[in-house]
Amino acid sequence: MSRKRYLVVTAGGSGTRMGSALPKQFLELDGKAILQRTIERFVEACPDIHVVTVLPAEHIAWWRKYCQERGFNCPQRLVKGGFTRFHSVKNALAWVPDGAVVAVHDGVRPLVSVRLLREMFGAMDAVRALIPVTPCTDTLKVLEKEADGTLRTVDETVDRQRIFGAQTPQLFLSEDLKAAYTQGFDTLFTDDASVAARYGIPLSYIAGERFNLKITTPDDLRLAEAILSIPGDR
């Protein structure tokens, strides 16, 4: 691939659902900060990747100190997070040149495999955007909430064979994604794929990974620790 590779890693959240004073991306997972493990996966898969890390403004100094003290010497462009994830990614894209492939990844998804990353970057020779997805395995119910908070059934059926969950990283040609982010913010923009789709960029899909979980709660953290304890290439 002739295009340079960039990673925008979104770690600008406060992580209130984790219930800790320190944002979740900085909590330790088997002896390392979750964010460090996330970035290391990309560096292992693509040693020449350029990293743009989005952080809460009040924790940029903390992260610099952590990297220095832990000997985590990966070069990074540190960018202040915005009001929403949309604004955070937009801030980061200002440091990504045209003519590159850019991966946008949640900083709290540290278990994505090197195999998937290499497969996705390799596939970008033939597509403009690539999104990892996993099939829904649960039975889905459409419910409405009453004024008193109770739920009632809605006469609507959802075919779960047509429902997939989107993961990250989501990969794009950088000039495409930068153009898509010139659009005004919309609350329906829940990921980069939704921003790109609104702009008319064709999306392609690839099978994601069950273990590529997003760590948002203490239970997620315990599950990630259990997964790391499994012998293998993780």
Protein backbone atom coordinates (compact mmCIF):
# COMPACT_ATOMS: atom_id res chain seq x y z
CA MET A 1 0.00 0.00 0.00
CA SER A 2 1.46 3.37 -1.02
CA ARG A 3 -0.69 5.43 1.34
CA LYS A 4 0.61 6.24 4.80
CA ARG A 5 -1.35 4.83 7.71
CA TYR A 6 -2.78 6.91 10.51
CA LEU A 7 -4.55 5.96 13.72
CA VAL A 8 -6.97 8.32 15.43
CA VAL A 9 -7.56 6.80 18.84
CA THR A 10 -10.48 8.34 20.69
CA ALA A 11 -9.83 8.52 24.42
CA GLY A 12 -11.45 11.83 25.29
CA GLY A 13 -14.24 10.54 27.51
CA SER A 14 -14.59 10.71 31.28
CA GLY A 15 -15.79 7.13 31.72
CA THR A 16 -18.44 7.85 34.34
CA ARG A 17 -20.02 4.40 33.97
CA MET A 18 -16.81 2.82 35.24
CA GLY A 19 -17.34 4.51 38.61
CA SER A 20 -13.67 5.44 39.10
CA ALA A 21 -11.96 8.80 39.62
CA LEU A 22 -9.56 8.07 36.77
CA PRO A 23 -11.10 7.88 33.26
CA LYS A 24 -11.48 4.28 32.08
CA GLN A 25 -8.89 4.56 29.29
CA PHE A 26 -6.19 5.07 31.92
CA LEU A 27 -7.18 2.18 34.19
CA GLU A 28 -4.78 -0.74 34.24
CA LEU A 29 -5.46 -3.97 32.41
CA ASP A 30 -2.96 -6.67 33.33
CA GLY A 31 -0.35 -4.12 34.36
CA LYS A 32 -0.76 -1.55 31.58
CA ALA A 33 -3.16 1.29 30.94
CA ILE A 34 -6.00 0.23 28.64
CA LEU A 35 -5.05 3.02 26.24
CA GLN A 36 -1.46 1.82 26.06
CA ARG A 37 -2.58 -1.70 25.21
CA THR A 38 -4.87 -0.33 22.51
CA ILE A 39 -2.14 1.67 20.81
CA GLU A 40 0.34 -1.19 21.10
CA ARG A 41 -1.95 -3.45 19.07
CA PHE A 42 -1.83 -1.04 16.13
CA VAL A 43 1.93 -0.52 16.40
CA GLU A 44 2.43 -4.28 16.40
CA ALA A 45 0.22 -4.66 13.32
CA CYS A 46 1.61 -1.62 11.47
CA PRO A 47 4.97 -0.47 12.91
CA ASP A 48 5.03 2.61 10.67
CA ILE A 49 1.61 3.90 11.73
CA HIS A 50 1.22 7.54 12.78
CA VAL A 51 -0.77 7.93 16.00
CA VAL A 52 -3.09 10.82 16.89
CA THR A 53 -4.42 10.40 20.43
CA VAL A 54 -7.49 12.35 21.55
CA LEU A 55 -7.55 12.99 25.30
CA PRO A 56 -9.47 15.02 27.87
CA ALA A 57 -7.65 18.35 28.12
CA GLU A 58 -7.21 17.94 31.87
CA HIS A 59 -5.47 14.57 31.45
CA ILE A 60 -2.97 15.33 28.68
CA ALA A 61 -0.21 16.07 31.22
CA TRP A 62 -1.12 12.88 33.11
CA TRP A 63 -0.76 10.80 29.95
CA ARG A 64 2.58 12.38 29.05
CA LYS A 65 3.89 11.58 32.52
CA TYR A 66 2.54 8.02 32.34
CA CYS A 67 4.24 7.37 28.99
CA GLN A 68 7.53 8.75 30.28
CA GLU A 69 7.46 6.78 33.52
CA ARG A 70 6.42 3.52 31.85
CA GLY A 71 8.85 3.82 28.94
CA PHE A 72 5.99 3.87 26.43
CA ASN A 73 7.86 5.67 23.69
CA CYS A 74 5.36 5.48 20.82
CA PRO A 75 5.37 8.89 19.05
CA GLN A 76 1.92 10.46 19.35
CA ARG A 77 0.22 13.69 18.43
CA LEU A 78 -1.90 14.56 21.46
CA VAL A 79 -5.16 16.38 20.71
CA LYS A 80 -7.76 17.82 23.06
CA GLY A 81 -11.14 16.12 22.95
CA GLY A 82 -14.24 18.01 21.89
CA PHE A 83 -17.76 18.35 23.24
CA THR A 84 -18.80 15.04 21.61
CA ARG A 85 -17.02 12.16 19.92
CA PHE A 86 -17.84 13.82 16.58
CA HIS A 87 -15.99 16.96 17.58
CA SER A 88 -13.08 14.97 19.02
CA VAL A 89 -12.55 13.07 15.77
CA LYS A 90 -12.87 16.30 13.80
CA ASN A 91 -10.13 17.86 15.96
CA ALA A 92 -7.87 14.87 15.34
CA LEU A 93 -8.43 14.82 11.57
CA ALA A 94 -6.82 18.26 11.34
CA TRP A 95 -3.52 16.40 11.90
CA VAL A 96 -4.15 13.71 9.28
CA PRO A 97 -3.02 14.50 5.70
CA ASP A 98 -4.91 13.72 2.52
CA GLY A 99 -3.71 10.64 0.68
CA ALA A 100 -3.55 8.43 3.77
CA VAL A 101 -5.60 5.59 5.20
CA VAL A 102 -6.97 6.54 8.60
CA ALA A 103 -8.29 4.15 11.23
CA VAL A 104 -10.54 5.59 13.92
CA HIS A 105 -10.60 3.36 16.99
CA ASP A 106 -12.03 3.49 20.49
CA GLY A 107 -9.24 3.83 23.03
CA VAL A 108 -11.00 1.31 25.26
CA ARG A 109 -11.03 -1.52 22.73
CA PRO A 110 -7.60 -3.00 23.55
CA LEU A 111 -8.32 -6.59 22.48
CA VAL A 112 -8.68 -6.13 18.72
CA SER A 113 -6.41 -8.69 17.09
CA VAL A 114 -3.30 -7.93 15.08
CA ARG A 115 -4.67 -10.31 12.44
CA LEU A 116 -7.84 -8.26 11.95
CA LEU A 117 -5.90 -4.99 11.80
CA ARG A 118 -3.55 -6.27 9.13
CA GLU A 119 -6.44 -7.73 7.15
CA MET A 120 -8.35 -4.46 7.27
CA PHE A 121 -5.44 -2.26 6.24
CA GLY A 122 -4.65 -4.68 3.41
CA ALA A 123 -8.23 -4.50 2.15
CA MET A 124 -8.11 -0.71 1.83
CA ASP A 125 -6.42 -1.05 -1.55
CA ALA A 126 -9.83 -1.97 -2.98
CA VAL A 127 -12.42 -0.05 -0.90
CA ARG A 128 -13.02 3.48 0.40
CA ALA A 129 -14.31 2.61 3.85
CA LEU A 130 -14.24 -0.61 5.87
CA ILE A 131 -16.32 -1.31 8.97
CA PRO A 132 -16.04 -4.42 11.21
CA VAL A 133 -19.42 -5.82 12.23
CA THR A 134 -20.70 -8.74 14.28
CA PRO A 135 -24.10 -10.45 13.88
CA CYS A 136 -26.76 -10.04 16.52
CA THR A 137 -27.41 -13.31 18.37
CA ASP A 138 -30.04 -12.12 20.87
CA THR A 139 -33.78 -12.10 20.32
CA LEU A 140 -34.76 -8.47 19.82
CA LYS A 141 -37.81 -6.79 21.37
CA VAL A 142 -39.24 -3.40 20.41
CA LEU A 143 -40.64 -1.75 23.54
CA GLU A 144 -42.00 1.65 24.49
CA LYS A 145 -41.57 3.29 27.87
CA GLU A 146 -44.69 4.54 29.60
CA ALA A 147 -44.83 7.75 31.63
CA ASP A 148 -44.40 5.77 34.85
CA GLY A 149 -41.29 4.06 33.50
CA THR A 150 -42.84 0.68 32.75
CA LEU A 151 -42.26 -0.95 29.39
CA ARG A 152 -44.93 -2.16 27.01
CA THR A 153 -44.75 -4.33 23.94
CA VAL A 154 -44.97 -2.74 20.48
CA ASP A 155 -46.47 -4.75 17.64
CA GLU A 156 -43.27 -4.77 15.64
CA THR A 157 -40.95 -7.62 14.73
CA VAL A 158 -37.23 -7.23 14.17
CA ASP A 159 -35.44 -9.77 12.00
CA ARG A 160 -32.17 -10.28 13.85
CA GLN A 161 -30.56 -11.82 10.76
CA ARG A 162 -30.48 -8.29 9.35
CA ILE A 163 -29.06 -6.67 12.49
CA PHE A 164 -25.32 -6.28 13.03
CA GLY A 165 -23.30 -4.42 15.62
CA ALA A 166 -20.60 -2.06 14.37
CA GLN A 167 -17.17 -2.08 15.99
CA THR A 168 -13.97 -0.13 15.57
CA PRO A 169 -11.48 0.38 14.03
CA GLN A 170 -13.31 1.94 11.12
CA LEU A 171 -11.00 2.63 8.19
CA PHE A 172 -11.33 5.33 5.54
CA LEU A 173 -9.41 7.14 2.86
CA SER A 174 -8.39 10.22 4.80
CA GLU A 175 -9.61 12.74 2.24
CA ASP A 176 -13.04 11.09 2.28
CA LEU A 177 -13.40 11.17 6.04
CA LYS A 178 -12.10 14.71 6.35
CA ALA A 179 -14.65 15.85 3.77
CA ALA A 180 -17.43 13.99 5.61
CA TYR A 181 -16.52 15.79 8.82
CA THR A 182 -17.18 19.18 7.21
CA GLN A 183 -20.86 18.40 7.77
CA GLY A 184 -22.65 19.92 10.71
CA PHE A 185 -23.05 17.81 13.84
CA ASP A 186 -26.11 15.56 14.12
CA THR A 187 -27.07 13.48 17.14
CA LEU A 188 -27.62 10.56 14.74
CA PHE A 189 -23.84 10.48 14.11
CA THR A 190 -23.02 7.65 16.51
CA ASP A 191 -19.83 6.53 14.77
CA ASP A 192 -17.63 7.50 11.84
CA ALA A 193 -19.48 5.19 9.49
CA SER A 194 -22.69 7.13 10.06
CA VAL A 195 -20.89 10.40 9.28
CA ALA A 196 -19.39 8.93 6.11
CA ALA A 197 -22.66 7.37 4.97
CA ARG A 198 -24.52 10.68 5.31
CA TYR A 199 -21.88 12.27 3.07
CA GLY A 200 -22.36 9.55 0.44
CA ILE A 201 -19.17 7.57 0.95
CA PRO A 202 -19.78 3.88 0.11
CA LEU A 203 -19.19 1.56 3.05
CA SER A 204 -17.79 -1.95 2.92
CA TYR A 205 -17.94 -4.45 5.77
CA ILE A 206 -15.78 -7.15 7.28
CA ALA A 207 -16.44 -9.70 10.02
CA GLY A 208 -15.50 -8.25 13.39
CA GLU A 209 -14.41 -10.10 16.50
CA ARG A 210 -16.40 -11.16 19.53
CA PHE A 211 -13.50 -10.36 21.86
CA ASN A 212 -13.07 -6.85 20.45
CA LEU A 213 -15.18 -5.50 23.29
CA LYS A 214 -15.48 -1.90 24.39
CA ILE A 215 -14.55 -1.58 28.06
CA THR A 216 -17.09 0.73 29.69
CA THR A 217 -18.06 -0.96 32.99
CA PRO A 218 -16.27 -2.87 35.77
CA ASP A 219 -17.75 -6.09 34.39
CA ASP A 220 -16.20 -5.33 30.99
CA LEU A 221 -12.82 -4.83 32.65
CA ARG A 222 -13.07 -8.15 34.46
CA LEU A 223 -14.05 -9.87 31.21
CA ALA A 224 -11.08 -8.32 29.40
CA GLU A 225 -8.75 -9.57 32.15
CA ALA A 226 -10.19 -13.07 31.74
CA ILE A 227 -9.73 -12.95 27.97
CA LEU A 228 -6.10 -11.87 28.31
CA SER A 229 -5.48 -14.83 30.60
CA ILE A 230 -6.44 -17.27 27.80
CA PRO A 231 -3.30 -18.76 26.21
CA GLY A 232 -2.92 -17.77 22.57
CA ASP A 233 -2.01 -14.86 20.33
CA ARG A 234 -4.03 -12.19 22.15
